[in-house]
Amino acid sequence: MAEQGQEQRPAQRDPEKRDAGAVSEFVERFASQLVDAGMPRMPSRVFACLLASDSGVLTSAELGERLQVSPAAVSGAVRYLSQVNMVGREREPGSRRDRYRVHSDQWYEALTRRDSVITRWEATLRDGVESLGETSPAGHRIGETLAFFEFIQGELAGMMERWRNHRDQLRAGAKES
């Protein structure tokens, strides 16, 4: 039993003894949730598969085999994931084969990129309020939308700093185990 104030960690499983069906079910379930959130289906499956691999690195052939999909499907998915900086491409040492690596801080990176998108939206929304007039119904609605994104932008910086501190504590605890 964990001492008070300490998080109890799940027992580590030997990768050789994992239930491949349960892992596949997790990959498909998480991919489905990513699809529900707006990510295309095949990139969702590839991302979840990479995330569920111990190394976080797989070749196109390994991804195709695990997901039972064609090389073309894997290629399109990793192209999408590369464009949104959720995976990186690297050369397998001594080979011409590419490997795909899920970024260790993919969620942090995705939110950080969102920060620049929000900044652009804010500028456009300010122009919209000015164009429509802040007292018009449309100008008021756009002004409220602008206020929402300004609020989110202000909270995001503090939240990301708290996350980095929390992540560092998690990593330090994992090294001690």
N, C-alpha and C. Protein backbone atom coordinates (compact mmCIF):
# COMPACT_ATOMS: atom_id res chain seq x y z
N MET A 1 0.85 -1.17 0.00
CA MET A 1 0.00 0.00 0.00
C MET A 1 0.89 1.23 0.00
N ALA A 2 0.53 2.25 -0.78
CA ALA A 2 1.32 3.47 -0.88
C ALA A 2 1.15 4.30 0.37
N GLU A 3 2.23 4.96 0.77
CA GLU A 3 2.15 5.86 1.91
C GLU A 3 1.27 7.03 1.54
N GLN A 4 0.71 7.67 2.58
CA GLN A 4 -0.17 8.80 2.34
C GLN A 4 0.62 9.88 1.60
N GLY A 5 0.00 10.47 0.57
CA GLY A 5 0.64 11.52 -0.21
C GLY A 5 1.46 10.98 -1.37
N GLN A 6 1.62 9.66 -1.45
CA GLN A 6 2.35 9.07 -2.57
C GLN A 6 1.37 8.39 -3.50
N GLU A 7 1.63 8.53 -4.77
CA GLU A 7 0.80 7.91 -5.77
C GLU A 7 1.22 6.46 -5.93
N GLN A 8 0.25 5.56 -5.94
CA GLN A 8 0.57 4.16 -6.16
C GLN A 8 0.65 3.93 -7.66
N ARG A 9 1.76 3.38 -8.11
CA ARG A 9 1.96 3.13 -9.53
C ARG A 9 1.52 1.71 -9.86
N PRO A 10 0.93 1.55 -11.07
CA PRO A 10 0.56 0.19 -11.47
C PRO A 10 1.81 -0.66 -11.65
N ALA A 11 1.66 -1.95 -11.41
CA ALA A 11 2.79 -2.86 -11.57
C ALA A 11 3.24 -2.85 -13.03
N GLN A 12 4.54 -2.88 -13.22
CA GLN A 12 5.09 -2.92 -14.57
C GLN A 12 4.88 -4.32 -15.14
N ARG A 13 4.49 -4.37 -16.40
CA ARG A 13 4.29 -5.65 -17.05
C ARG A 13 5.45 -5.94 -17.98
N ASP A 14 5.82 -7.19 -18.04
CA ASP A 14 6.83 -7.65 -18.97
C ASP A 14 6.21 -7.54 -20.36
N PRO A 15 6.87 -6.79 -21.28
CA PRO A 15 6.29 -6.64 -22.62
C PRO A 15 6.02 -7.97 -23.31
N GLU A 16 6.79 -8.98 -22.99
CA GLU A 16 6.59 -10.30 -23.61
C GLU A 16 5.32 -10.97 -23.10
N LYS A 17 4.83 -10.58 -21.93
CA LYS A 17 3.66 -11.23 -21.32
C LYS A 17 2.38 -10.41 -21.48
N ARG A 18 2.46 -9.30 -22.20
CA ARG A 18 1.27 -8.48 -22.40
C ARG A 18 0.26 -9.21 -23.27
N ASP A 19 -0.99 -8.92 -23.04
CA ASP A 19 -2.07 -9.45 -23.86
C ASP A 19 -2.17 -8.57 -25.11
N ALA A 20 -1.71 -9.10 -26.24
CA ALA A 20 -1.69 -8.33 -27.49
C ALA A 20 -3.10 -7.85 -27.86
N GLY A 21 -4.10 -8.67 -27.57
CA GLY A 21 -5.47 -8.28 -27.87
C GLY A 21 -5.91 -7.07 -27.05
N ALA A 22 -5.51 -7.05 -25.78
CA ALA A 22 -5.86 -5.92 -24.91
C ALA A 22 -5.15 -4.66 -25.37
N VAL A 23 -3.89 -4.79 -25.80
CA VAL A 23 -3.15 -3.63 -26.30
C VAL A 23 -3.81 -3.11 -27.56
N SER A 24 -4.17 -4.02 -28.48
CA SER A 24 -4.84 -3.63 -29.72
C SER A 24 -6.18 -2.95 -29.42
N GLU A 25 -6.90 -3.48 -28.44
CA GLU A 25 -8.19 -2.89 -28.06
C GLU A 25 -7.99 -1.47 -27.52
N PHE A 26 -6.93 -1.27 -26.70
CA PHE A 26 -6.62 0.07 -26.20
C PHE A 26 -6.33 1.01 -27.37
N VAL A 27 -5.48 0.57 -28.30
CA VAL A 27 -5.10 1.42 -29.45
C VAL A 27 -6.35 1.83 -30.21
N GLU A 28 -7.24 0.89 -30.50
CA GLU A 28 -8.44 1.21 -31.27
C GLU A 28 -9.41 2.10 -30.49
N ARG A 29 -9.53 1.85 -29.19
CA ARG A 29 -10.43 2.67 -28.37
C ARG A 29 -9.93 4.11 -28.27
N PHE A 30 -8.62 4.28 -28.02
CA PHE A 30 -8.07 5.63 -27.92
C PHE A 30 -8.12 6.33 -29.28
N ALA A 31 -7.82 5.59 -30.35
CA ALA A 31 -7.90 6.17 -31.69
C ALA A 31 -9.32 6.65 -31.98
N SER A 32 -10.30 5.86 -31.58
CA SER A 32 -11.70 6.24 -31.79
C SER A 32 -12.03 7.54 -31.05
N GLN A 33 -11.49 7.69 -29.85
CA GLN A 33 -11.73 8.92 -29.09
C GLN A 33 -11.05 10.11 -29.75
N LEU A 34 -9.87 9.89 -30.34
CA LEU A 34 -9.20 10.97 -31.07
C LEU A 34 -10.01 11.36 -32.30
N VAL A 35 -10.59 10.37 -32.98
CA VAL A 35 -11.46 10.64 -34.12
C VAL A 35 -12.66 11.47 -33.68
N ASP A 36 -13.26 11.09 -32.55
CA ASP A 36 -14.40 11.85 -32.02
C ASP A 36 -14.02 13.30 -31.73
N ALA A 37 -12.74 13.53 -31.41
CA ALA A 37 -12.26 14.89 -31.12
C ALA A 37 -11.86 15.64 -32.38
N GLY A 38 -11.92 14.98 -33.56
CA GLY A 38 -11.67 15.68 -34.80
C GLY A 38 -10.43 15.25 -35.58
N MET A 39 -9.65 14.32 -35.07
CA MET A 39 -8.47 13.86 -35.79
C MET A 39 -8.89 12.81 -36.82
N PRO A 40 -8.28 12.81 -38.00
CA PRO A 40 -8.61 11.77 -38.98
C PRO A 40 -8.35 10.36 -38.44
N ARG A 41 -9.07 9.39 -38.96
CA ARG A 41 -9.04 8.02 -38.42
C ARG A 41 -7.67 7.36 -38.48
N MET A 42 -7.06 7.31 -39.66
CA MET A 42 -5.80 6.57 -39.76
C MET A 42 -4.67 7.25 -38.96
N PRO A 43 -4.52 8.57 -39.02
CA PRO A 43 -3.51 9.20 -38.15
C PRO A 43 -3.78 8.92 -36.66
N SER A 44 -5.05 8.84 -36.28
CA SER A 44 -5.39 8.52 -34.89
C SER A 44 -4.90 7.13 -34.53
N ARG A 45 -5.10 6.18 -35.41
CA ARG A 45 -4.68 4.81 -35.15
C ARG A 45 -3.15 4.71 -35.08
N VAL A 46 -2.46 5.37 -36.01
CA VAL A 46 -0.99 5.33 -36.02
C VAL A 46 -0.45 6.00 -34.77
N PHE A 47 -1.02 7.14 -34.40
CA PHE A 47 -0.55 7.85 -33.21
C PHE A 47 -0.75 6.99 -31.96
N ALA A 48 -1.92 6.39 -31.81
CA ALA A 48 -2.21 5.56 -30.64
C ALA A 48 -1.28 4.35 -30.62
N CYS A 49 -0.99 3.77 -31.78
CA CYS A 49 -0.09 2.62 -31.86
C CYS A 49 1.32 3.01 -31.43
N LEU A 50 1.82 4.14 -31.91
CA LEU A 50 3.14 4.62 -31.49
C LEU A 50 3.17 4.90 -30.00
N LEU A 51 2.13 5.52 -29.51
CA LEU A 51 2.04 5.86 -28.09
C LEU A 51 2.07 4.60 -27.23
N ALA A 52 1.46 3.53 -27.72
CA ALA A 52 1.37 2.29 -26.95
C ALA A 52 2.62 1.41 -27.09
N SER A 53 3.55 1.80 -27.94
CA SER A 53 4.78 1.00 -28.07
C SER A 53 5.77 1.45 -27.00
N ASP A 54 6.51 0.49 -26.43
CA ASP A 54 7.44 0.84 -25.36
C ASP A 54 8.49 1.85 -25.80
N SER A 55 9.00 1.70 -27.01
CA SER A 55 10.06 2.59 -27.49
C SER A 55 9.50 3.92 -27.99
N GLY A 56 8.24 3.93 -28.39
CA GLY A 56 7.66 5.11 -29.01
C GLY A 56 8.15 5.31 -30.42
N VAL A 57 8.84 4.29 -30.96
CA VAL A 57 9.42 4.35 -32.30
C VAL A 57 9.08 3.07 -33.04
N LEU A 58 8.50 3.21 -34.24
CA LEU A 58 8.20 2.05 -35.08
C LEU A 58 8.46 2.39 -36.54
N THR A 59 8.79 1.39 -37.32
CA THR A 59 8.94 1.58 -38.77
C THR A 59 7.56 1.52 -39.41
N SER A 60 7.52 1.91 -40.66
CA SER A 60 6.27 1.84 -41.41
C SER A 60 5.76 0.40 -41.48
N ALA A 61 6.69 -0.53 -41.70
CA ALA A 61 6.29 -1.95 -41.78
C ALA A 61 5.72 -2.43 -40.45
N GLU A 62 6.33 -2.03 -39.34
CA GLU A 62 5.84 -2.44 -38.02
C GLU A 62 4.46 -1.84 -37.75
N LEU A 63 4.27 -0.58 -38.13
CA LEU A 63 2.96 0.04 -37.95
C LEU A 63 1.91 -0.68 -38.79
N GLY A 64 2.24 -0.96 -40.06
CA GLY A 64 1.31 -1.67 -40.94
C GLY A 64 0.94 -3.03 -40.39
N GLU A 65 1.94 -3.75 -39.85
CA GLU A 65 1.68 -5.08 -39.30
C GLU A 65 0.80 -5.00 -38.06
N ARG A 66 1.11 -4.08 -37.16
CA ARG A 66 0.33 -3.98 -35.92
C ARG A 66 -1.10 -3.53 -36.16
N LEU A 67 -1.27 -2.64 -37.15
CA LEU A 67 -2.60 -2.10 -37.42
C LEU A 67 -3.33 -2.83 -38.53
N GLN A 68 -2.63 -3.76 -39.21
CA GLN A 68 -3.20 -4.51 -40.32
C GLN A 68 -3.71 -3.57 -41.41
N VAL A 69 -2.80 -2.65 -41.83
CA VAL A 69 -3.14 -1.69 -42.88
C VAL A 69 -2.02 -1.66 -43.91
N SER A 70 -2.31 -1.05 -45.04
CA SER A 70 -1.35 -0.98 -46.14
C SER A 70 -0.25 0.05 -45.87
N PRO A 71 0.89 -0.12 -46.55
CA PRO A 71 1.96 0.89 -46.43
C PRO A 71 1.48 2.29 -46.83
N ALA A 72 0.60 2.37 -47.82
CA ALA A 72 0.09 3.67 -48.26
C ALA A 72 -0.72 4.34 -47.15
N ALA A 73 -1.49 3.55 -46.42
CA ALA A 73 -2.28 4.11 -45.31
C ALA A 73 -1.36 4.64 -44.22
N VAL A 74 -0.30 3.91 -43.91
CA VAL A 74 0.67 4.35 -42.91
C VAL A 74 1.35 5.63 -43.39
N SER A 75 1.75 5.65 -44.65
CA SER A 75 2.45 6.81 -45.21
C SER A 75 1.61 8.08 -45.10
N GLY A 76 0.36 8.00 -45.47
CA GLY A 76 -0.53 9.17 -45.38
C GLY A 76 -0.73 9.62 -43.94
N ALA A 77 -0.85 8.64 -43.05
CA ALA A 77 -1.06 8.97 -41.63
C ALA A 77 0.17 9.65 -41.03
N VAL A 78 1.36 9.12 -41.30
CA VAL A 78 2.55 9.72 -40.71
C VAL A 78 2.83 11.08 -41.34
N ARG A 79 2.45 11.27 -42.60
CA ARG A 79 2.60 12.59 -43.23
C ARG A 79 1.75 13.61 -42.46
N TYR A 80 0.49 13.24 -42.18
CA TYR A 80 -0.39 14.12 -41.41
C TYR A 80 0.19 14.40 -40.02
N LEU A 81 0.59 13.33 -39.32
CA LEU A 81 1.11 13.47 -37.96
C LEU A 81 2.41 14.29 -37.92
N SER A 82 3.22 14.17 -38.97
CA SER A 82 4.45 14.98 -39.06
C SER A 82 4.10 16.45 -39.25
N GLN A 83 3.10 16.73 -40.09
CA GLN A 83 2.71 18.11 -40.35
C GLN A 83 2.18 18.81 -39.10
N VAL A 84 1.56 18.05 -38.21
CA VAL A 84 1.03 18.65 -36.98
C VAL A 84 1.99 18.41 -35.80
N ASN A 85 3.22 18.00 -36.12
CA ASN A 85 4.29 17.81 -35.14
C ASN A 85 3.96 16.84 -34.01
N MET A 86 3.20 15.80 -34.32
CA MET A 86 2.91 14.80 -33.30
C MET A 86 3.85 13.62 -33.39
N VAL A 87 4.51 13.46 -34.55
CA VAL A 87 5.54 12.44 -34.70
C VAL A 87 6.70 13.03 -35.48
N GLY A 88 7.86 12.44 -35.28
CA GLY A 88 9.03 12.82 -36.04
C GLY A 88 9.51 11.64 -36.87
N ARG A 89 10.18 11.94 -37.94
CA ARG A 89 10.73 10.91 -38.83
C ARG A 89 12.24 10.89 -38.62
N GLU A 90 12.81 9.70 -38.54
CA GLU A 90 14.25 9.57 -38.40
C GLU A 90 14.70 8.35 -39.19
N ARG A 91 15.96 8.34 -39.54
CA ARG A 91 16.53 7.20 -40.27
C ARG A 91 16.94 6.11 -39.30
N GLU A 92 16.65 4.87 -39.68
CA GLU A 92 17.12 3.74 -38.92
C GLU A 92 18.63 3.65 -39.18
N PRO A 93 19.46 3.62 -38.13
CA PRO A 93 20.91 3.60 -38.35
C PRO A 93 21.35 2.47 -39.28
N GLY A 94 22.17 2.83 -40.27
CA GLY A 94 22.68 1.84 -41.22
C GLY A 94 21.66 1.35 -42.22
N SER A 95 20.58 2.06 -42.38
CA SER A 95 19.50 1.61 -43.26
C SER A 95 18.91 2.80 -43.99
N ARG A 96 18.15 2.50 -45.03
CA ARG A 96 17.42 3.57 -45.72
C ARG A 96 15.98 3.64 -45.23
N ARG A 97 15.65 2.80 -44.26
CA ARG A 97 14.28 2.78 -43.74
C ARG A 97 14.06 3.89 -42.73
N ASP A 98 12.89 4.50 -42.81
CA ASP A 98 12.51 5.52 -41.84
C ASP A 98 11.84 4.88 -40.64
N ARG A 99 12.01 5.51 -39.51
CA ARG A 99 11.26 5.13 -38.30
C ARG A 99 10.49 6.38 -37.88
N TYR A 100 9.41 6.15 -37.20
CA TYR A 100 8.56 7.26 -36.75
C TYR A 100 8.53 7.25 -35.24
N ARG A 101 8.78 8.41 -34.66
CA ARG A 101 8.88 8.56 -33.21
C ARG A 101 7.78 9.49 -32.73
N VAL A 102 7.05 9.03 -31.72
CA VAL A 102 6.08 9.91 -31.08
C VAL A 102 6.87 10.83 -30.16
N HIS A 103 6.56 12.11 -30.21
CA HIS A 103 7.26 13.06 -29.35
C HIS A 103 6.89 12.81 -27.90
N SER A 104 7.87 12.85 -27.02
CA SER A 104 7.60 12.55 -25.60
C SER A 104 6.68 13.60 -24.98
N ASP A 105 6.70 14.80 -25.49
CA ASP A 105 5.85 15.87 -24.95
C ASP A 105 4.81 16.30 -25.99
N GLN A 106 4.20 15.32 -26.68
CA GLN A 106 3.30 15.63 -27.78
C GLN A 106 2.13 16.52 -27.37
N TRP A 107 1.58 16.31 -26.19
CA TRP A 107 0.43 17.13 -25.78
C TRP A 107 0.87 18.54 -25.47
N TYR A 108 2.01 18.68 -24.82
CA TYR A 108 2.56 20.00 -24.53
C TYR A 108 2.82 20.75 -25.84
N GLU A 109 3.44 20.04 -26.79
CA GLU A 109 3.74 20.67 -28.07
C GLU A 109 2.47 21.06 -28.81
N ALA A 110 1.45 20.21 -28.76
CA ALA A 110 0.19 20.52 -29.44
C ALA A 110 -0.46 21.76 -28.83
N LEU A 111 -0.44 21.87 -27.51
CA LEU A 111 -1.02 23.04 -26.87
C LEU A 111 -0.19 24.29 -27.12
N THR A 112 1.12 24.14 -27.18
CA THR A 112 1.98 25.28 -27.46
C THR A 112 1.71 25.81 -28.86
N ARG A 113 1.54 24.91 -29.82
CA ARG A 113 1.19 25.34 -31.18
C ARG A 113 -0.18 26.01 -31.20
N ARG A 114 -1.08 25.50 -30.38
CA ARG A 114 -2.42 26.08 -30.30
C ARG A 114 -2.33 27.53 -29.82
N ASP A 115 -1.35 27.81 -28.97
CA ASP A 115 -1.14 29.15 -28.45
C ASP A 115 -0.97 30.14 -29.61
N SER A 116 -0.17 29.79 -30.62
CA SER A 116 0.03 30.71 -31.74
C SER A 116 -1.23 30.82 -32.59
N VAL A 117 -2.00 29.75 -32.70
CA VAL A 117 -3.26 29.79 -33.43
C VAL A 117 -4.22 30.75 -32.72
N ILE A 118 -4.30 30.64 -31.41
CA ILE A 118 -5.19 31.51 -30.63
C ILE A 118 -4.79 32.97 -30.80
N THR A 119 -3.50 33.25 -30.82
CA THR A 119 -3.02 34.62 -31.02
C THR A 119 -3.50 35.16 -32.37
N ARG A 120 -3.42 34.35 -33.41
CA ARG A 120 -3.91 34.78 -34.74
C ARG A 120 -5.42 34.99 -34.71
N TRP A 121 -6.15 34.08 -34.03
CA TRP A 121 -7.60 34.25 -33.94
C TRP A 121 -7.95 35.55 -33.23
N GLU A 122 -7.22 35.84 -32.16
CA GLU A 122 -7.49 37.07 -31.41
C GLU A 122 -7.35 38.30 -32.30
N ALA A 123 -6.30 38.35 -33.11
CA ALA A 123 -6.08 39.49 -34.00
C ALA A 123 -7.23 39.62 -35.00
N THR A 124 -7.65 38.50 -35.56
CA THR A 124 -8.75 38.52 -36.53
C THR A 124 -10.06 38.92 -35.85
N LEU A 125 -10.30 38.40 -34.64
CA LEU A 125 -11.52 38.76 -33.92
C LEU A 125 -11.54 40.25 -33.56
N ARG A 126 -10.38 40.81 -33.19
CA ARG A 126 -10.31 42.26 -32.92
C ARG A 126 -10.71 43.05 -34.16
N ASP A 127 -10.19 42.61 -35.32
CA ASP A 127 -10.56 43.27 -36.58
C ASP A 127 -12.06 43.13 -36.84
N GLY A 128 -12.62 41.97 -36.51
CA GLY A 128 -14.05 41.76 -36.69
C GLY A 128 -14.89 42.69 -35.83
N VAL A 129 -14.49 42.84 -34.56
CA VAL A 129 -15.21 43.75 -33.66
C VAL A 129 -15.14 45.18 -34.20
N GLU A 130 -13.96 45.56 -34.67
CA GLU A 130 -13.79 46.91 -35.21
C GLU A 130 -14.64 47.11 -36.47
N SER A 131 -14.65 46.11 -37.34
CA SER A 131 -15.41 46.21 -38.59
C SER A 131 -16.91 46.27 -38.34
N LEU A 132 -17.39 45.47 -37.38
CA LEU A 132 -18.82 45.38 -37.15
C LEU A 132 -19.35 46.41 -36.16
N GLY A 133 -18.42 46.97 -35.37
CA GLY A 133 -18.82 47.89 -34.31
C GLY A 133 -19.14 47.12 -33.05
N GLU A 134 -18.50 47.52 -31.94
CA GLU A 134 -18.65 46.71 -30.72
C GLU A 134 -20.05 46.76 -30.12
N THR A 135 -20.87 47.73 -30.52
CA THR A 135 -22.22 47.81 -29.96
C THR A 135 -23.26 47.05 -30.79
N SER A 136 -22.88 46.59 -31.98
CA SER A 136 -23.83 45.81 -32.79
C SER A 136 -23.95 44.42 -32.19
N PRO A 137 -25.07 43.72 -32.43
CA PRO A 137 -25.20 42.36 -31.90
C PRO A 137 -24.06 41.44 -32.35
N ALA A 138 -23.70 41.51 -33.63
CA ALA A 138 -22.60 40.68 -34.13
C ALA A 138 -21.27 41.09 -33.51
N GLY A 139 -21.04 42.39 -33.39
CA GLY A 139 -19.81 42.89 -32.77
C GLY A 139 -19.71 42.48 -31.31
N HIS A 140 -20.84 42.52 -30.61
CA HIS A 140 -20.86 42.08 -29.21
C HIS A 140 -20.53 40.59 -29.10
N ARG A 141 -21.14 39.78 -29.98
CA ARG A 141 -20.91 38.33 -29.97
C ARG A 141 -19.44 38.02 -30.28
N ILE A 142 -18.88 38.70 -31.26
CA ILE A 142 -17.48 38.48 -31.62
C ILE A 142 -16.58 39.00 -30.50
N GLY A 143 -16.96 40.11 -29.86
CA GLY A 143 -16.18 40.64 -28.74
C GLY A 143 -16.15 39.66 -27.57
N GLU A 144 -17.27 38.99 -27.33
CA GLU A 144 -17.30 37.99 -26.26
C GLU A 144 -16.43 36.78 -26.62
N THR A 145 -16.45 36.41 -27.89
CA THR A 145 -15.58 35.33 -28.34
C THR A 145 -14.11 35.72 -28.16
N LEU A 146 -13.78 36.95 -28.50
CA LEU A 146 -12.43 37.47 -28.31
C LEU A 146 -12.06 37.42 -26.83
N ALA A 147 -12.95 37.84 -25.96
CA ALA A 147 -12.67 37.83 -24.51
C ALA A 147 -12.41 36.40 -24.03
N PHE A 148 -13.15 35.44 -24.57
CA PHE A 148 -12.94 34.04 -24.20
C PHE A 148 -11.52 33.61 -24.57
N PHE A 149 -11.11 33.88 -25.81
CA PHE A 149 -9.77 33.46 -26.24
C PHE A 149 -8.67 34.21 -25.51
N GLU A 150 -8.90 35.46 -25.16
CA GLU A 150 -7.91 36.20 -24.36
C GLU A 150 -7.79 35.56 -22.97
N PHE A 151 -8.91 35.14 -22.41
CA PHE A 151 -8.89 34.45 -21.12
C PHE A 151 -8.12 33.14 -21.21
N ILE A 152 -8.44 32.34 -22.23
CA ILE A 152 -7.77 31.06 -22.44
C ILE A 152 -6.26 31.29 -22.61
N GLN A 153 -5.90 32.26 -23.41
CA GLN A 153 -4.48 32.56 -23.66
C GLN A 153 -3.77 32.90 -22.35
N GLY A 154 -4.40 33.70 -21.51
CA GLY A 154 -3.80 34.07 -20.24
C GLY A 154 -3.64 32.88 -19.30
N GLU A 155 -4.61 31.99 -19.30
CA GLU A 155 -4.55 30.81 -18.44
C GLU A 155 -3.57 29.76 -18.95
N LEU A 156 -3.40 29.69 -20.25
CA LEU A 156 -2.58 28.65 -20.86
C LEU A 156 -1.12 28.73 -20.40
N ALA A 157 -0.56 29.92 -20.33
CA ALA A 157 0.84 30.06 -19.92
C ALA A 157 1.06 29.52 -18.51
N GLY A 158 0.21 29.89 -17.58
CA GLY A 158 0.34 29.40 -16.20
C GLY A 158 0.11 27.90 -16.10
N MET A 159 -0.86 27.42 -16.85
CA MET A 159 -1.17 26.00 -16.83
C MET A 159 0.01 25.19 -17.38
N MET A 160 0.63 25.67 -18.44
CA MET A 160 1.75 24.94 -19.02
C MET A 160 2.95 24.94 -18.08
N GLU A 161 3.17 26.01 -17.36
CA GLU A 161 4.25 26.04 -16.38
C GLU A 161 3.97 25.05 -15.25
N ARG A 162 2.73 25.00 -14.78
CA ARG A 162 2.37 24.02 -13.74
C ARG A 162 2.55 22.60 -14.26
N TRP A 163 2.19 22.38 -15.54
CA TRP A 163 2.37 21.05 -16.12
C TRP A 163 3.85 20.67 -16.15
N ARG A 164 4.72 21.57 -16.61
CA ARG A 164 6.16 21.26 -16.68
C ARG A 164 6.68 20.86 -15.30
N ASN A 165 6.28 21.59 -14.27
CA ASN A 165 6.72 21.25 -12.90
C ASN A 165 6.20 19.88 -12.49
N HIS A 166 4.94 19.62 -12.75
CA HIS A 166 4.33 18.34 -12.40
C HIS A 166 5.01 17.19 -13.17
N ARG A 167 5.21 17.40 -14.48
CA ARG A 167 5.87 16.39 -15.32
C ARG A 167 7.27 16.09 -14.79
N ASP A 168 8.02 17.12 -14.42
CA ASP A 168 9.37 16.92 -13.90
C ASP A 168 9.34 16.10 -12.61
N GLN A 169 8.33 16.34 -11.77
CA GLN A 169 8.20 15.54 -10.54
C GLN A 169 7.87 14.08 -10.88
N LEU A 170 6.99 13.88 -11.85
CA LEU A 170 6.65 12.52 -12.27
C LEU A 170 7.89 11.79 -12.80
N ARG A 171 8.66 12.48 -13.62
CA ARG A 171 9.85 11.86 -14.19
C ARG A 171 10.89 11.56 -13.12
N ALA A 172 11.04 12.47 -12.16
CA ALA A 172 11.99 12.23 -11.08
C ALA A 172 11.55 11.03 -10.25
N GLY A 173 10.25 10.90 -10.00
CA GLY A 173 9.73 9.75 -9.26
C GLY A 173 9.91 8.45 -10.00
N ALA A 174 9.76 8.49 -11.33
CA ALA A 174 9.93 7.29 -12.14
C ALA A 174 11.39 6.81 -12.12
N LYS A 175 12.32 7.75 -12.08
CA LYS A 175 13.73 7.38 -12.03
C LYS A 175 14.11 6.76 -10.70
N GLU A 176 13.40 7.16 -9.64
CA GLU A 176 13.69 6.62 -8.32
C GLU A 176 13.17 5.19 -8.17
N SER A 177 12.14 4.84 -8.95
CA SER A 177 11.51 3.50 -8.83
C SER A 177 12.42 2.42 -9.35
